[in-house]
Amino acid sequence: MSKRYTCAEIAERYNIKLSTVWDWIRKKKLSAIRIGKEYRITDEDLAKFEESRKTA
């Protein structure tokens, strides 16, 4: 089973604000699974997000 990250973990990983991660999810730039009131991001969704942001 793949690892699932919290929004706080993603924010820490990229050194950004938590609200930026929520914005990415709201704007459907980053896929997430909603569990209760929180979101979880899978390894696969994070890899797709990173791949879509490549410039070269």
C-alpha atoms as a PDB file:
ATOM      1  CA  MET A   1       0.000   0.000   0.000  1.00  0.00           C
ATOM      2  CA  SER A   2       1.292   3.441  -0.893  1.00  0.00           C
ATOM      3  CA  LYS A   3       2.074   6.066   1.696  1.00  0.00           C
ATOM      4  CA  ARG A   4      -0.472   8.803   2.261  1.00  0.00           C
ATOM      5  CA  TYR A   5       0.697  12.256   3.257  1.00  0.00           C
ATOM      6  CA  THR A   6      -1.187  14.910   5.188  1.00  0.00           C
ATOM      7  CA  CYS A   7      -1.433  18.452   3.866  1.00  0.00           C
ATOM      8  CA  ALA A   8       0.928  19.540   6.647  1.00  0.00           C
ATOM      9  CA  GLU A   9       3.531  16.993   5.491  1.00  0.00           C
ATOM     10  CA  ILE A  10       3.269  18.263   1.906  1.00  0.00           C
ATOM     11  CA  ALA A  11       3.640  21.873   3.074  1.00  0.00           C
ATOM     12  CA  GLU A  12       6.733  20.937   5.077  1.00  0.00           C
ATOM     13  CA  ARG A  13       8.198  18.938   2.178  1.00  0.00           C
ATOM     14  CA  TYR A  14       8.003  21.934  -0.199  1.00  0.00           C
ATOM     15  CA  ASN A  15       8.581  24.585   2.482  1.00  0.00           C
ATOM     16  CA  ILE A  16       5.283  26.332   1.700  1.00  0.00           C
ATOM     17  CA  LYS A  17       2.234  27.422   3.668  1.00  0.00           C
ATOM     18  CA  LEU A  18      -0.483  24.900   4.467  1.00  0.00           C
ATOM     19  CA  SER A  19      -3.016  27.183   2.776  1.00  0.00           C
ATOM     20  CA  THR A  20      -1.089  26.789  -0.501  1.00  0.00           C
ATOM     21  CA  VAL A  21      -1.560  22.997  -0.367  1.00  0.00           C
ATOM     22  CA  TRP A  22      -5.291  23.464   0.304  1.00  0.00           C
ATOM     23  CA  ASP A  23      -5.447  25.864  -2.645  1.00  0.00           C
ATOM     24  CA  TRP A  24      -3.796  23.311  -4.950  1.00  0.00           C
ATOM     25  CA  ILE A  25      -6.380  20.726  -3.872  1.00  0.00           C
ATOM     26  CA  ARG A  26      -9.296  23.148  -4.277  1.00  0.00           C
ATOM     27  CA  LYS A  27      -8.103  24.128  -7.770  1.00  0.00           C
ATOM     28  CA  LYS A  28      -7.638  20.424  -8.650  1.00  0.00           C
ATOM     29  CA  LYS A  29      -3.910  20.853  -9.297  1.00  0.00           C
ATOM     30  CA  LEU A  30      -3.164  18.206  -6.644  1.00  0.00           C
ATOM     31  CA  SER A  31      -5.405  15.163  -6.218  1.00  0.00           C
ATOM     32  CA  ALA A  32      -6.320  14.214  -2.677  1.00  0.00           C
ATOM     33  CA  ILE A  33      -8.559  11.841  -0.758  1.00  0.00           C
ATOM     34  CA  ARG A  34     -10.837  13.414   1.816  1.00  0.00           C
ATOM     35  CA  ILE A  35     -11.065  11.479   5.076  1.00  0.00           C
ATOM     36  CA  GLY A  36     -13.422  13.198   7.479  1.00  0.00           C
ATOM     37  CA  LYS A  37     -12.279  16.817   7.625  1.00  0.00           C
ATOM     38  CA  GLU A  38      -8.748  16.091   6.454  1.00  0.00           C
ATOM     39  CA  TYR A  39      -7.105  15.317   3.127  1.00  0.00           C
ATOM     40  CA  ARG A  40      -4.538  12.649   2.304  1.00  0.00           C
ATOM     41  CA  ILE A  41      -2.279  12.653  -0.742  1.00  0.00           C
ATOM     42  CA  THR A  42      -0.917   9.365  -2.099  1.00  0.00           C
ATOM     43  CA  ASP A  43       2.603   8.766  -3.417  1.00  0.00           C
ATOM     44  CA  GLU A  44       1.143   8.303  -6.900  1.00  0.00           C
ATOM     45  CA  ASP A  45      -0.806  11.575  -6.834  1.00  0.00           C
ATOM     46  CA  LEU A  46       2.247  13.429  -5.546  1.00  0.00           C
ATOM     47  CA  ALA A  47       4.398  11.965  -8.331  1.00  0.00           C
ATOM     48  CA  LYS A  48       1.810  13.030 -10.957  1.00  0.00           C
ATOM     49  CA  PHE A  49       1.717  16.522  -9.463  1.00  0.00           C
ATOM     50  CA  GLU A  50       5.505  16.828  -9.556  1.00  0.00           C
ATOM     51  CA  GLU A  51       5.677  15.484 -13.123  1.00  0.00           C
ATOM     52  CA  SER A  52       3.093  18.010 -14.312  1.00  0.00           C
ATOM     53  CA  ARG A  53       5.189  20.849 -12.858  1.00  0.00           C
ATOM     54  CA  LYS A  54       8.435  19.952 -14.645  1.00  0.00           C
ATOM     55  CA  THR A  55       9.842  22.720 -16.820  1.00  0.00           C
ATOM     56  CA  ALA A  56      12.413  20.760 -18.775  1.00  0.00           C
END
